[in-house]
Amino acid sequence: YATGPVHGVQLTGGAHPGRLVVGVNAETWDGTRVTANHAALVVSDDGGEHWRTGATDTWPVAADGTFRQKPSELTLTERADGALLVSGREENGTDLGHRTQALSRDGGDTFAASFRALPDLYAPQVQGAVLRLGDRTLLSVPADPDRRRTMTVRSSWDGGASWDSVDRGTVVTRDWSGYSDLVSVDDDTVGLLYEGGASDARDEIRFARFT
């Protein structure tokens, strides 16, 4: 299992208020090759003392090494309707696009459906972060579809069903940029922690505030 690298959530509503939920990804190995990719949520109902695996989505890997999806580096947020929006990095699958997402409607116990690739959400192969801000959901991820640069924050006003196009997102920097995380600093301010640099995305760890 690999966790994060991004924040988890503590549920505020639904049947499991107070539950901690974190995204993970894993692979099945038969001793000679990877046979399946797994995206999952792990949950705790006792403040983190004990954890168990909840929702799991499995994608078989063919003998030739091909697969449709490999959702990984999962980021999640609790929507206004109580559902969990789970967004992930997609890498080297036959489904088009570099972002994929799913919903859990039971507090992380199951996924409502398999992950769905988002070919129109332009991003390179990189981790991203989601954060709910009232009726708005934010996504931080570089906007260049091929290279890790142009860190951008995009918005969804329908719980992740659709996202701002690249030209409508807020560009944080046009430098090289990579992994990121979002946090609500206060009622009016959001913080963005991200990798960035003039010559390489890993040159610096930067922090930006915006309202």
C-alpha atoms as a PDB file:
ATOM      1  CA  TYR A   1       0.000   0.000   0.000  1.00  0.00           C
ATOM      2  CA  ALA A   2       1.044   3.564  -0.715  1.00  0.00           C
ATOM      3  CA  THR A   3      -0.766   6.409   1.045  1.00  0.00           C
ATOM      4  CA  GLY A   4      -1.257   9.986  -0.094  1.00  0.00           C
ATOM      5  CA  PRO A   5       0.897  11.979  -0.471  1.00  0.00           C
ATOM      6  CA  VAL A   6      -1.910  14.359   0.486  1.00  0.00           C
ATOM      7  CA  HIS A   7      -4.309  15.045   3.354  1.00  0.00           C
ATOM      8  CA  GLY A   8      -7.138  12.723   4.348  1.00  0.00           C
ATOM      9  CA  VAL A   9     -10.514  13.854   5.692  1.00  0.00           C
ATOM     10  CA  GLN A  10     -12.627  13.609   8.823  1.00  0.00           C
ATOM     11  CA  LEU A  11     -16.294  13.191   7.955  1.00  0.00           C
ATOM     12  CA  THR A  12     -18.753  15.711   9.357  1.00  0.00           C
ATOM     13  CA  GLY A  13     -22.080  14.205   8.293  1.00  0.00           C
ATOM     14  CA  GLY A  14     -23.813  11.082   7.047  1.00  0.00           C
ATOM     15  CA  ALA A  15     -23.855   7.805   8.962  1.00  0.00           C
ATOM     16  CA  HIS A  16     -20.231   8.088  10.123  1.00  0.00           C
ATOM     17  CA  PRO A  17     -19.519  11.564  11.537  1.00  0.00           C
ATOM     18  CA  GLY A  18     -15.988  11.772  12.884  1.00  0.00           C
ATOM     19  CA  ARG A  19     -14.689   8.939  10.689  1.00  0.00           C
ATOM     20  CA  LEU A  20     -11.166   9.394   9.295  1.00  0.00           C
ATOM     21  CA  VAL A  21     -10.700   8.471   5.631  1.00  0.00           C
ATOM     22  CA  VAL A  22      -7.429   8.260   3.692  1.00  0.00           C
ATOM     23  CA  GLY A  23      -6.787   7.252   0.078  1.00  0.00           C
ATOM     24  CA  VAL A  24      -4.308   4.482  -0.795  1.00  0.00           C
ATOM     25  CA  ASN A  25      -3.214   2.557  -3.859  1.00  0.00           C
ATOM     26  CA  ALA A  26      -1.735  -0.932  -4.133  1.00  0.00           C
ATOM     27  CA  GLU A  27      -0.703  -3.654  -6.561  1.00  0.00           C
ATOM     28  CA  THR A  28      -1.139  -7.429  -6.592  1.00  0.00           C
ATOM     29  CA  TRP A  29       2.078  -9.349  -7.328  1.00  0.00           C
ATOM     30  CA  ASP A  30       2.044 -13.067  -8.181  1.00  0.00           C
ATOM     31  CA  GLY A  31       5.774 -13.535  -7.770  1.00  0.00           C
ATOM     32  CA  THR A  32       6.619 -12.766 -11.376  1.00  0.00           C
ATOM     33  CA  ARG A  33       4.544  -9.746 -12.377  1.00  0.00           C
ATOM     34  CA  VAL A  34       1.883  -7.254 -11.314  1.00  0.00           C
ATOM     35  CA  THR A  35      -1.549  -8.761 -11.986  1.00  0.00           C
ATOM     36  CA  ALA A  36      -3.849  -5.976 -10.738  1.00  0.00           C
ATOM     37  CA  ASN A  37      -3.918  -2.319  -9.711  1.00  0.00           C
ATOM     38  CA  HIS A  38      -6.042  -1.302  -6.730  1.00  0.00           C
ATOM     39  CA  ALA A  39      -7.355   2.065  -5.538  1.00  0.00           C
ATOM     40  CA  ALA A  40      -8.804   2.009  -2.035  1.00  0.00           C
ATOM     41  CA  LEU A  41      -9.896   3.991   0.993  1.00  0.00           C
ATOM     42  CA  VAL A  42      -8.841   3.106   4.526  1.00  0.00           C
ATOM     43  CA  VAL A  43     -11.073   4.241   7.380  1.00  0.00           C
ATOM     44  CA  SER A  44     -10.877   4.631  11.148  1.00  0.00           C
ATOM     45  CA  ASP A  45     -13.820   5.070  13.512  1.00  0.00           C
ATOM     46  CA  ASP A  46     -11.754   5.429  16.701  1.00  0.00           C
ATOM     47  CA  GLY A  47      -9.603   8.466  15.997  1.00  0.00           C
ATOM     48  CA  GLY A  48      -6.894   6.579  14.126  1.00  0.00           C
ATOM     49  CA  GLU A  49      -6.133   3.835  16.663  1.00  0.00           C
ATOM     50  CA  HIS A  50      -7.392   1.113  14.319  1.00  0.00           C
ATOM     51  CA  TRP A  51      -7.758   1.158  10.542  1.00  0.00           C
ATOM     52  CA  ARG A  52      -9.462  -1.094   8.011  1.00  0.00           C
ATOM     53  CA  THR A  53      -9.768  -1.198   4.258  1.00  0.00           C
ATOM     54  CA  GLY A  54     -13.056   0.158   2.946  1.00  0.00           C
ATOM     55  CA  ALA A  55     -13.894   0.984  -0.664  1.00  0.00           C
ATOM     56  CA  THR A  56     -11.702  -0.844  -3.196  1.00  0.00           C
ATOM     57  CA  ASP A  57     -11.596  -0.565  -6.992  1.00  0.00           C
ATOM     58  CA  THR A  58      -9.536  -3.176  -8.873  1.00  0.00           C
ATOM     59  CA  TRP A  59      -8.148  -2.974 -12.415  1.00  0.00           C
ATOM     60  CA  PRO A  60      -6.661  -6.203 -13.868  1.00  0.00           C
ATOM     61  CA  VAL A  61      -3.275  -6.110 -15.584  1.00  0.00           C
ATOM     62  CA  ALA A  62      -3.033  -8.286 -18.709  1.00  0.00           C
ATOM     63  CA  ALA A  63      -0.165 -10.701 -19.318  1.00  0.00           C
ATOM     64  CA  ASP A  64       1.374  -8.200 -21.738  1.00  0.00           C
ATOM     65  CA  GLY A  65       1.422  -5.565 -18.974  1.00  0.00           C
ATOM     66  CA  THR A  66      -1.428  -3.420 -20.310  1.00  0.00           C
ATOM     67  CA  PHE A  67      -4.283  -2.157 -18.163  1.00  0.00           C
ATOM     68  CA  ARG A  68      -7.114   0.347 -18.472  1.00  0.00           C
ATOM     69  CA  GLN A  69      -6.402   2.389 -15.357  1.00  0.00           C
ATOM     70  CA  LYS A  70      -4.084   2.689 -12.384  1.00  0.00           C
ATOM     71  CA  PRO A  71      -5.714   5.213 -10.018  1.00  0.00           C
ATOM     72  CA  SER A  72      -3.095   6.335  -7.517  1.00  0.00           C
ATOM     73  CA  GLU A  73      -2.065   9.156  -5.154  1.00  0.00           C
ATOM     74  CA  LEU A  74      -5.693   9.628  -4.173  1.00  0.00           C
ATOM     75  CA  THR A  75      -7.036  12.910  -2.817  1.00  0.00           C
ATOM     76  CA  LEU A  76     -10.539  13.259  -1.406  1.00  0.00           C
ATOM     77  CA  THR A  77     -13.025  15.728  -0.029  1.00  0.00           C
ATOM     78  CA  GLU A  78     -16.492  15.522   1.518  1.00  0.00           C
ATOM     79  CA  ARG A  79     -19.144  17.068  -0.725  1.00  0.00           C
ATOM     80  CA  ALA A  80     -22.096  19.112   0.490  1.00  0.00           C
ATOM     81  CA  ASP A  81     -24.374  16.080  -0.019  1.00  0.00           C
ATOM     82  CA  GLY A  82     -22.143  13.922   2.208  1.00  0.00           C
ATOM     83  CA  ALA A  83     -20.585  11.914  -0.615  1.00  0.00           C
ATOM     84  CA  LEU A  84     -16.816  11.576  -0.849  1.00  0.00           C
ATOM     85  CA  LEU A  85     -15.245  12.820  -4.072  1.00  0.00           C
ATOM     86  CA  VAL A  86     -12.063  10.830  -4.723  1.00  0.00           C
ATOM     87  CA  SER A  87      -9.654  12.155  -7.359  1.00  0.00           C
ATOM     88  CA  GLY A  88      -6.539  10.320  -8.487  1.00  0.00           C
ATOM     89  CA  ARG A  89      -3.539  10.360 -10.758  1.00  0.00           C
ATOM     90  CA  GLU A  90      -3.912   8.101 -13.788  1.00  0.00           C
ATOM     91  CA  GLU A  91      -0.755   6.775 -15.392  1.00  0.00           C
ATOM     92  CA  ASN A  92      -0.021   4.656 -18.468  1.00  0.00           C
ATOM     93  CA  GLY A  93      -3.458   3.051 -18.762  1.00  0.00           C
ATOM     94  CA  THR A  94      -5.273   2.627 -22.064  1.00  0.00           C
ATOM     95  CA  ASP A  95      -8.096   4.929 -20.896  1.00  0.00           C
ATOM     96  CA  LEU A  96      -7.371   8.473 -22.072  1.00  0.00           C
ATOM     97  CA  GLY A  97      -6.330  11.238 -19.689  1.00  0.00           C
ATOM     98  CA  HIS A  98      -4.129  11.712 -16.637  1.00  0.00           C
ATOM     99  CA  ARG A  99      -6.870  12.309 -14.018  1.00  0.00           C
ATOM    100  CA  THR A 100      -9.513   9.879 -12.799  1.00  0.00           C
ATOM    101  CA  GLN A 101     -12.180  10.066 -10.101  1.00  0.00           C
ATOM    102  CA  ALA A 102     -14.882   8.166  -8.239  1.00  0.00           C
ATOM    103  CA  LEU A 103     -17.517   8.702  -5.536  1.00  0.00           C
ATOM    104  CA  SER A 104     -18.267   6.976  -2.256  1.00  0.00           C
ATOM    105  CA  ARG A 105     -21.775   7.566  -0.898  1.00  0.00           C
ATOM    106  CA  ASP A 106     -21.454   5.504   2.295  1.00  0.00           C
ATOM    107  CA  GLY A 107     -18.584   7.171   4.121  1.00  0.00           C
ATOM    108  CA  GLY A 108     -15.808   5.308   2.351  1.00  0.00           C
ATOM    109  CA  ASP A 109     -17.076   1.740   2.751  1.00  0.00           C
ATOM    110  CA  THR A 110     -17.653   1.243  -0.996  1.00  0.00           C
ATOM    111  CA  PHE A 111     -17.312   3.109  -4.269  1.00  0.00           C
ATOM    112  CA  ALA A 112     -20.582   3.961  -6.006  1.00  0.00           C
ATOM    113  CA  ALA A 113     -18.967   2.986  -9.334  1.00  0.00           C
ATOM    114  CA  SER A 114     -15.513   2.328 -10.747  1.00  0.00           C
ATOM    115  CA  PHE A 115     -13.096   5.185 -11.322  1.00  0.00           C
ATOM    116  CA  ARG A 116     -13.818   7.217 -14.444  1.00  0.00           C
ATOM    117  CA  ALA A 117     -11.019   8.743 -16.502  1.00  0.00           C
ATOM    118  CA  LEU A 118     -11.268  12.489 -17.257  1.00  0.00           C
ATOM    119  CA  PRO A 119      -9.560  13.035 -20.637  1.00  0.00           C
ATOM    120  CA  ASP A 120     -10.724  16.662 -20.876  1.00  0.00           C
ATOM    121  CA  LEU A 121      -9.157  17.622 -17.532  1.00  0.00           C
ATOM    122  CA  TYR A 122      -5.722  18.566 -18.816  1.00  0.00           C
ATOM    123  CA  ALA A 123      -2.889  17.642 -16.453  1.00  0.00           C
ATOM    124  CA  PRO A 124       0.393  15.751 -16.652  1.00  0.00           C
ATOM    125  CA  GLN A 125       1.070  12.498 -14.826  1.00  0.00           C
ATOM    126  CA  VAL A 126       1.288  13.959 -11.330  1.00  0.00           C
ATOM    127  CA  GLN A 127      -0.420  14.029  -7.953  1.00  0.00           C
ATOM    128  CA  GLY A 128      -3.060  16.699  -7.276  1.00  0.00           C
ATOM    129  CA  ALA A 129      -5.277  17.840  -4.392  1.00  0.00           C
ATOM    130  CA  VAL A 130      -8.987  18.571  -3.940  1.00  0.00           C
ATOM    131  CA  LEU A 131     -10.639  20.725  -1.278  1.00  0.00           C
ATOM    132  CA  ARG A 132     -14.260  21.698  -0.755  1.00  0.00           C
ATOM    133  CA  LEU A 133     -14.926  25.380  -0.171  1.00  0.00           C
ATOM    134  CA  GLY A 134     -18.649  25.828   0.479  1.00  0.00           C
ATOM    135  CA  ASP A 135     -20.499  24.957  -2.724  1.00  0.00           C
ATOM    136  CA  ARG A 136     -17.230  24.997  -4.653  1.00  0.00           C
ATOM    137  CA  THR A 137     -14.618  22.259  -5.021  1.00  0.00           C
ATOM    138  CA  LEU A 138     -11.011  23.190  -5.806  1.00  0.00           C
ATOM    139  CA  LEU A 139      -8.406  21.090  -7.625  1.00  0.00           C
ATOM    140  CA  SER A 140      -4.712  21.986  -7.626  1.00  0.00           C
ATOM    141  CA  VAL A 141      -2.639  20.369 -10.373  1.00  0.00           C
ATOM    142  CA  PRO A 142      -0.315  21.572 -13.158  1.00  0.00           C
ATOM    143  CA  ALA A 143      -2.269  22.481 -16.297  1.00  0.00           C
ATOM    144  CA  ASP A 144       0.219  21.386 -18.963  1.00  0.00           C
ATOM    145  CA  PRO A 145      -0.989  17.988 -20.274  1.00  0.00           C
ATOM    146  CA  ASP A 146       2.537  16.704 -20.913  1.00  0.00           C
ATOM    147  CA  ARG A 147       4.924  18.466 -18.532  1.00  0.00           C
ATOM    148  CA  ARG A 148       4.943  19.369 -14.858  1.00  0.00           C
ATOM    149  CA  ARG A 149       4.532  23.103 -15.111  1.00  0.00           C
ATOM    150  CA  THR A 150       1.935  25.893 -14.754  1.00  0.00           C
ATOM    151  CA  MET A 151       0.432  25.105 -11.349  1.00  0.00           C
ATOM    152  CA  THR A 152      -3.261  25.928 -11.632  1.00  0.00           C
ATOM    153  CA  VAL A 153      -6.260  25.817  -9.300  1.00  0.00           C
ATOM    154  CA  ARG A 154      -9.471  24.836 -11.059  1.00  0.00           C
ATOM    155  CA  SER A 155     -13.020  24.845  -9.703  1.00  0.00           C
ATOM    156  CA  SER A 156     -16.064  22.627  -9.880  1.00  0.00           C
ATOM    157  CA  TRP A 157     -19.488  23.961  -8.942  1.00  0.00           C
ATOM    158  CA  ASP A 158     -21.271  20.595  -9.180  1.00  0.00           C
ATOM    159  CA  GLY A 159     -19.308  18.377  -6.817  1.00  0.00           C
ATOM    160  CA  GLY A 160     -16.757  17.253  -9.383  1.00  0.00           C
ATOM    161  CA  ALA A 161     -19.165  16.312 -12.181  1.00  0.00           C
ATOM    162  CA  SER A 162     -17.459  18.974 -14.334  1.00  0.00           C
ATOM    163  CA  TRP A 163     -14.364  21.154 -13.962  1.00  0.00           C
ATOM    164  CA  ASP A 164     -13.159  24.524 -15.186  1.00  0.00           C
ATOM    165  CA  SER A 165     -11.258  24.395 -18.450  1.00  0.00           C
ATOM    166  CA  VAL A 166      -7.574  25.357 -18.328  1.00  0.00           C
ATOM    167  CA  ASP A 167      -8.265  28.905 -19.534  1.00  0.00           C
ATOM    168  CA  ARG A 168     -10.733  29.509 -16.670  1.00  0.00           C
ATOM    169  CA  GLY A 169      -8.537  28.190 -13.873  1.00  0.00           C
ATOM    170  CA  THR A 170      -6.377  30.387 -11.652  1.00  0.00           C
ATOM    171  CA  VAL A 171      -2.708  30.160 -12.642  1.00  0.00           C
ATOM    172  CA  VAL A 172      -0.485  30.194  -9.540  1.00  0.00           C
ATOM    173  CA  THR A 173       2.811  30.063 -11.453  1.00  0.00           C
ATOM    174  CA  ARG A 174       4.023  29.310 -14.971  1.00  0.00           C
ATOM    175  CA  ASP A 175       7.226  27.815 -13.556  1.00  0.00           C
ATOM    176  CA  TRP A 176       7.844  24.113 -13.348  1.00  0.00           C
ATOM    177  CA  SER A 177       5.555  22.639 -10.675  1.00  0.00           C
ATOM    178  CA  GLY A 178       4.634  19.222  -9.347  1.00  0.00           C
ATOM    179  CA  TYR A 179       2.972  17.770  -6.265  1.00  0.00           C
ATOM    180  CA  SER A 180       0.647  19.934  -4.166  1.00  0.00           C
ATOM    181  CA  ASP A 181      -1.818  20.059  -1.302  1.00  0.00           C
ATOM    182  CA  LEU A 182      -4.633  22.442  -0.363  1.00  0.00           C
ATOM    183  CA  VAL A 183      -5.770  23.610   3.071  1.00  0.00           C
ATOM    184  CA  SER A 184      -8.458  25.951   4.363  1.00  0.00           C
ATOM    185  CA  VAL A 185      -6.512  28.557   6.380  1.00  0.00           C
ATOM    186  CA  ASP A 186      -9.642  30.395   7.541  1.00  0.00           C
ATOM    187  CA  ASP A 187     -13.111  31.209   6.223  1.00  0.00           C
ATOM    188  CA  ASP A 188     -11.694  33.516   3.558  1.00  0.00           C
ATOM    189  CA  THR A 189      -8.270  32.059   2.742  1.00  0.00           C
ATOM    190  CA  VAL A 190      -6.988  28.885   1.079  1.00  0.00           C
ATOM    191  CA  GLY A 191      -3.372  27.764   1.285  1.00  0.00           C
ATOM    192  CA  LEU A 192      -1.537  25.881  -1.459  1.00  0.00           C
ATOM    193  CA  LEU A 193       1.678  23.976  -0.689  1.00  0.00           C
ATOM    194  CA  TYR A 194       3.425  22.848  -3.869  1.00  0.00           C
ATOM    195  CA  GLU A 195       6.672  21.860  -5.543  1.00  0.00           C
ATOM    196  CA  GLY A 196       7.998  24.548  -7.883  1.00  0.00           C
ATOM    197  CA  GLY A 197      11.080  25.966  -9.517  1.00  0.00           C
ATOM    198  CA  ALA A 198      12.460  27.992 -12.395  1.00  0.00           C
ATOM    199  CA  SER A 199      14.407  25.031 -13.787  1.00  0.00           C
ATOM    200  CA  ASP A 200      12.861  21.956 -12.133  1.00  0.00           C
ATOM    201  CA  ALA A 201       9.589  21.213 -10.365  1.00  0.00           C
ATOM    202  CA  ARG A 202      11.524  19.875  -7.361  1.00  0.00           C
ATOM    203  CA  ASP A 203      13.695  22.953  -6.792  1.00  0.00           C
ATOM    204  CA  GLU A 204      11.601  24.370  -3.949  1.00  0.00           C
ATOM    205  CA  ILE A 205       8.624  23.821  -1.684  1.00  0.00           C
ATOM    206  CA  ARG A 206       6.414  26.885  -2.059  1.00  0.00           C
ATOM    207  CA  PHE A 207       3.361  28.163  -0.216  1.00  0.00           C
ATOM    208  CA  ALA A 208       0.737  30.460  -1.726  1.00  0.00           C
ATOM    209  CA  ARG A 209      -2.361  32.024  -0.182  1.00  0.00           C
ATOM    210  CA  PHE A 210      -5.418  33.107  -2.122  1.00  0.00           C
ATOM    211  CA  THR A 211      -8.974  34.192  -1.452  1.00  0.00           C
END
